[in-house]
Amino acid sequence: MRKYEVMYIIRPEVEQEAVQAITEKFQAIIGNGGEIIKHDVIGKRRLAYEINKIRDGIYVLVNFNGTNEVVAELDRVMKITDEVIRCLITRDVA
């Protein structure tokens, strides 16, 4: 298994309970063949640039160990989740 880091941004108008449900859904995907090292909900921040007329977002950062299949499934689910504005999965080389 390799180390990965994923950061995703959730729409700012999403309720706190929905944010919790979204993060638990992604944690379950990672847990199905990987392990979470660190999970941090950074909170609501201003975006560097507008995305579809949205100026703020709820940032979430997750460090995990996983296989290529876990990363592919996580990327697929994040892209079809309407509450997620942007996501980026990178391999941690350090």
N, C-alpha and C. Protein backbone atom coordinates (compact mmCIF):
# COMPACT_ATOMS: atom_id res chain seq x y z
N MET A 1 0.84 -1.18 0.00
CA MET A 1 0.00 0.00 0.00
C MET A 1 0.88 1.25 0.00
N ARG A 2 0.39 2.25 -0.67
CA ARG A 2 1.11 3.52 -0.77
C ARG A 2 0.41 4.58 0.06
N LYS A 3 1.16 5.63 0.38
CA LYS A 3 0.60 6.76 1.12
C LYS A 3 -0.01 7.75 0.14
N TYR A 4 -1.20 8.23 0.47
CA TYR A 4 -1.90 9.21 -0.35
C TYR A 4 -2.43 10.33 0.53
N GLU A 5 -2.69 11.44 -0.12
CA GLU A 5 -3.31 12.59 0.54
C GLU A 5 -4.44 13.08 -0.36
N VAL A 6 -5.60 13.28 0.22
CA VAL A 6 -6.73 13.79 -0.55
C VAL A 6 -7.25 15.04 0.15
N MET A 7 -7.48 16.07 -0.64
CA MET A 7 -8.14 17.27 -0.15
C MET A 7 -9.36 17.49 -1.01
N TYR A 8 -10.49 17.71 -0.34
CA TYR A 8 -11.71 18.01 -1.08
C TYR A 8 -12.43 19.16 -0.43
N ILE A 9 -13.20 19.87 -1.25
CA ILE A 9 -13.92 21.07 -0.81
C ILE A 9 -15.41 20.81 -0.95
N ILE A 10 -16.13 21.01 0.13
CA ILE A 10 -17.58 20.80 0.16
C ILE A 10 -18.26 22.16 0.06
N ARG A 11 -19.42 22.20 -0.59
CA ARG A 11 -20.19 23.44 -0.72
C ARG A 11 -20.43 24.08 0.66
N PRO A 12 -20.39 25.41 0.75
CA PRO A 12 -20.51 26.06 2.05
C PRO A 12 -21.90 26.01 2.67
N GLU A 13 -22.94 25.83 1.87
CA GLU A 13 -24.29 25.85 2.41
C GLU A 13 -24.73 24.50 2.98
N VAL A 14 -23.88 23.49 2.92
CA VAL A 14 -24.21 22.16 3.41
C VAL A 14 -24.23 22.18 4.94
N GLU A 15 -25.27 21.54 5.52
CA GLU A 15 -25.41 21.47 6.98
C GLU A 15 -24.28 20.65 7.59
N GLN A 16 -24.01 20.87 8.88
CA GLN A 16 -22.94 20.16 9.58
C GLN A 16 -23.17 18.65 9.60
N GLU A 17 -24.43 18.22 9.75
CA GLU A 17 -24.74 16.79 9.75
C GLU A 17 -24.45 16.17 8.39
N ALA A 18 -24.73 16.91 7.32
CA ALA A 18 -24.46 16.41 5.97
C ALA A 18 -22.96 16.34 5.72
N VAL A 19 -22.20 17.30 6.24
CA VAL A 19 -20.74 17.26 6.10
C VAL A 19 -20.20 16.02 6.80
N GLN A 20 -20.74 15.73 7.98
CA GLN A 20 -20.33 14.53 8.72
C GLN A 20 -20.66 13.27 7.93
N ALA A 21 -21.84 13.23 7.31
CA ALA A 21 -22.23 12.05 6.53
C ALA A 21 -21.34 11.88 5.30
N ILE A 22 -20.99 12.98 4.65
CA ILE A 22 -20.13 12.91 3.47
C ILE A 22 -18.74 12.39 3.85
N THR A 23 -18.17 12.94 4.92
CA THR A 23 -16.84 12.50 5.34
C THR A 23 -16.85 11.04 5.78
N GLU A 24 -17.93 10.59 6.43
CA GLU A 24 -18.03 9.18 6.83
C GLU A 24 -18.14 8.28 5.60
N LYS A 25 -18.84 8.74 4.57
CA LYS A 25 -18.96 7.95 3.34
C LYS A 25 -17.59 7.76 2.70
N PHE A 26 -16.80 8.84 2.64
CA PHE A 26 -15.47 8.74 2.04
C PHE A 26 -14.53 7.92 2.92
N GLN A 27 -14.68 8.03 4.24
CA GLN A 27 -13.87 7.22 5.14
C GLN A 27 -14.17 5.74 4.98
N ALA A 28 -15.44 5.40 4.74
CA ALA A 28 -15.81 4.00 4.53
C ALA A 28 -15.19 3.46 3.25
N ILE A 29 -15.12 4.29 2.21
CA ILE A 29 -14.50 3.86 0.95
C ILE A 29 -13.01 3.61 1.18
N ILE A 30 -12.35 4.51 1.90
CA ILE A 30 -10.93 4.32 2.18
C ILE A 30 -10.71 3.10 3.06
N GLY A 31 -11.57 2.91 4.05
CA GLY A 31 -11.45 1.78 4.97
C GLY A 31 -11.66 0.43 4.30
N ASN A 32 -12.24 0.41 3.12
CA ASN A 32 -12.47 -0.82 2.38
C ASN A 32 -11.24 -1.15 1.52
N GLY A 33 -10.13 -1.44 2.18
CA GLY A 33 -8.91 -1.78 1.46
C GLY A 33 -7.76 -0.84 1.78
N GLY A 34 -7.96 0.08 2.70
CA GLY A 34 -6.92 1.02 3.09
C GLY A 34 -7.06 1.38 4.56
N GLU A 35 -6.22 2.27 5.01
CA GLU A 35 -6.31 2.73 6.40
C GLU A 35 -6.08 4.24 6.46
N ILE A 36 -6.87 4.90 7.28
CA ILE A 36 -6.76 6.35 7.43
C ILE A 36 -5.70 6.65 8.47
N ILE A 37 -4.76 7.50 8.10
CA ILE A 37 -3.71 7.93 9.02
C ILE A 37 -4.15 9.18 9.77
N LYS A 38 -4.68 10.15 9.03
CA LYS A 38 -5.10 11.43 9.62
C LYS A 38 -6.29 11.96 8.86
N HIS A 39 -7.28 12.46 9.59
CA HIS A 39 -8.47 13.05 8.98
C HIS A 39 -8.70 14.39 9.66
N ASP A 40 -8.77 15.45 8.87
CA ASP A 40 -8.89 16.79 9.45
C ASP A 40 -9.90 17.61 8.64
N VAL A 41 -10.99 18.01 9.31
CA VAL A 41 -11.93 18.94 8.69
C VAL A 41 -11.42 20.34 9.04
N ILE A 42 -10.81 20.99 8.07
CA ILE A 42 -10.19 22.29 8.29
C ILE A 42 -11.23 23.35 8.56
N GLY A 43 -12.35 23.27 7.88
CA GLY A 43 -13.44 24.22 8.11
C GLY A 43 -13.69 25.10 6.91
N LYS A 44 -14.53 26.10 7.13
CA LYS A 44 -14.95 26.99 6.05
C LYS A 44 -13.87 28.03 5.79
N ARG A 45 -13.45 28.10 4.54
CA ARG A 45 -12.41 29.04 4.11
C ARG A 45 -12.81 29.68 2.80
N ARG A 46 -12.21 30.81 2.50
CA ARG A 46 -12.41 31.48 1.22
C ARG A 46 -11.59 30.76 0.16
N LEU A 47 -12.20 30.52 -1.00
CA LEU A 47 -11.51 29.89 -2.11
C LEU A 47 -10.53 30.87 -2.75
N ALA A 48 -9.50 30.35 -3.38
CA ALA A 48 -8.53 31.21 -4.06
C ALA A 48 -9.17 31.90 -5.26
N TYR A 49 -10.13 31.23 -5.88
CA TYR A 49 -10.86 31.79 -7.01
C TYR A 49 -12.27 31.21 -6.99
N GLU A 50 -13.20 31.90 -7.60
CA GLU A 50 -14.59 31.44 -7.63
C GLU A 50 -14.72 30.18 -8.47
N ILE A 51 -15.56 29.26 -8.00
CA ILE A 51 -15.88 28.06 -8.76
C ILE A 51 -17.40 28.04 -8.89
N ASN A 52 -17.90 28.22 -10.09
CA ASN A 52 -19.34 28.26 -10.34
C ASN A 52 -20.06 29.25 -9.42
N LYS A 53 -19.49 30.43 -9.28
CA LYS A 53 -20.02 31.52 -8.47
C LYS A 53 -20.07 31.21 -6.97
N ILE A 54 -19.24 30.28 -6.53
CA ILE A 54 -19.12 29.94 -5.11
C ILE A 54 -17.79 30.50 -4.63
N ARG A 55 -17.83 31.27 -3.53
CA ARG A 55 -16.62 31.92 -3.03
C ARG A 55 -16.00 31.24 -1.82
N ASP A 56 -16.79 30.46 -1.07
CA ASP A 56 -16.30 29.79 0.14
C ASP A 56 -16.48 28.29 -0.01
N GLY A 57 -15.80 27.55 0.86
CA GLY A 57 -15.96 26.10 0.86
C GLY A 57 -15.46 25.51 2.16
N ILE A 58 -15.92 24.31 2.46
CA ILE A 58 -15.49 23.59 3.66
C ILE A 58 -14.39 22.63 3.22
N TYR A 59 -13.18 22.86 3.70
CA TYR A 59 -12.02 22.07 3.31
C TYR A 59 -11.87 20.86 4.23
N VAL A 60 -11.53 19.72 3.61
CA VAL A 60 -11.27 18.48 4.36
C VAL A 60 -9.99 17.87 3.81
N LEU A 61 -9.09 17.48 4.72
CA LEU A 61 -7.81 16.89 4.34
C LEU A 61 -7.70 15.51 4.98
N VAL A 62 -7.35 14.50 4.17
CA VAL A 62 -7.23 13.13 4.66
C VAL A 62 -5.92 12.54 4.16
N ASN A 63 -5.12 11.99 5.08
CA ASN A 63 -3.93 11.22 4.73
C ASN A 63 -4.26 9.76 4.96
N PHE A 64 -3.95 8.89 4.00
CA PHE A 64 -4.29 7.48 4.13
C PHE A 64 -3.33 6.60 3.36
N ASN A 65 -3.32 5.32 3.72
CA ASN A 65 -2.61 4.29 2.98
C ASN A 65 -3.65 3.51 2.21
N GLY A 66 -3.36 3.21 0.95
CA GLY A 66 -4.34 2.47 0.16
C GLY A 66 -3.76 1.91 -1.12
N THR A 67 -4.59 1.15 -1.80
CA THR A 67 -4.21 0.56 -3.07
C THR A 67 -4.74 1.42 -4.20
N ASN A 68 -4.35 1.08 -5.42
CA ASN A 68 -4.82 1.82 -6.59
C ASN A 68 -6.33 1.71 -6.76
N GLU A 69 -6.89 0.55 -6.39
CA GLU A 69 -8.33 0.36 -6.51
C GLU A 69 -9.10 1.28 -5.56
N VAL A 70 -8.58 1.45 -4.35
CA VAL A 70 -9.22 2.35 -3.38
C VAL A 70 -9.19 3.79 -3.89
N VAL A 71 -8.06 4.19 -4.43
CA VAL A 71 -7.91 5.56 -4.94
C VAL A 71 -8.85 5.78 -6.13
N ALA A 72 -8.94 4.81 -7.02
CA ALA A 72 -9.81 4.95 -8.19
C ALA A 72 -11.28 5.05 -7.77
N GLU A 73 -11.70 4.23 -6.82
CA GLU A 73 -13.09 4.26 -6.36
C GLU A 73 -13.38 5.57 -5.61
N LEU A 74 -12.44 6.03 -4.79
CA LEU A 74 -12.63 7.28 -4.07
C LEU A 74 -12.75 8.45 -5.04
N ASP A 75 -11.90 8.48 -6.06
CA ASP A 75 -11.96 9.54 -7.06
C ASP A 75 -13.28 9.51 -7.81
N ARG A 76 -13.75 8.33 -8.18
CA ARG A 76 -15.01 8.18 -8.91
C ARG A 76 -16.19 8.70 -8.07
N VAL A 77 -16.23 8.30 -6.80
CA VAL A 77 -17.35 8.70 -5.93
C VAL A 77 -17.31 10.20 -5.65
N MET A 78 -16.12 10.76 -5.46
CA MET A 78 -16.02 12.19 -5.20
C MET A 78 -16.49 13.01 -6.39
N LYS A 79 -16.19 12.54 -7.59
CA LYS A 79 -16.57 13.29 -8.78
C LYS A 79 -18.07 13.28 -9.02
N ILE A 80 -18.79 12.25 -8.56
CA ILE A 80 -20.24 12.21 -8.77
C ILE A 80 -21.02 12.72 -7.57
N THR A 81 -20.34 13.08 -6.48
CA THR A 81 -21.01 13.63 -5.31
C THR A 81 -21.26 15.11 -5.55
N ASP A 82 -22.53 15.51 -5.51
CA ASP A 82 -22.90 16.89 -5.83
C ASP A 82 -22.39 17.91 -4.82
N GLU A 83 -22.23 17.52 -3.56
CA GLU A 83 -21.79 18.46 -2.53
C GLU A 83 -20.31 18.80 -2.63
N VAL A 84 -19.53 17.99 -3.33
CA VAL A 84 -18.09 18.23 -3.45
C VAL A 84 -17.84 19.15 -4.65
N ILE A 85 -17.19 20.29 -4.38
CA ILE A 85 -16.87 21.25 -5.43
C ILE A 85 -15.63 20.79 -6.20
N ARG A 86 -14.56 20.50 -5.46
CA ARG A 86 -13.29 20.07 -6.06
C ARG A 86 -12.66 19.02 -5.17
N CYS A 87 -11.86 18.15 -5.79
CA CYS A 87 -11.09 17.17 -5.03
C CYS A 87 -9.75 16.94 -5.73
N LEU A 88 -8.76 16.59 -4.93
CA LEU A 88 -7.44 16.32 -5.48
C LEU A 88 -6.81 15.21 -4.64
N ILE A 89 -6.42 14.13 -5.30
CA ILE A 89 -5.77 13.01 -4.64
C ILE A 89 -4.33 12.97 -5.15
N THR A 90 -3.38 13.02 -4.22
CA THR A 90 -1.96 12.98 -4.59
C THR A 90 -1.26 11.87 -3.81
N ARG A 91 -0.23 11.31 -4.42
CA ARG A 91 0.59 10.32 -3.75
C ARG A 91 1.61 11.04 -2.91
N ASP A 92 1.74 10.63 -1.66
CA ASP A 92 2.65 11.26 -0.72
C ASP A 92 4.01 10.58 -0.86
N VAL A 93 4.99 11.31 -1.33
CA VAL A 93 6.31 10.73 -1.54
C VAL A 93 7.22 10.85 -0.33
N ALA A 94 6.85 11.67 0.63
CA ALA A 94 7.70 11.86 1.82
C ALA A 94 7.46 10.78 2.84
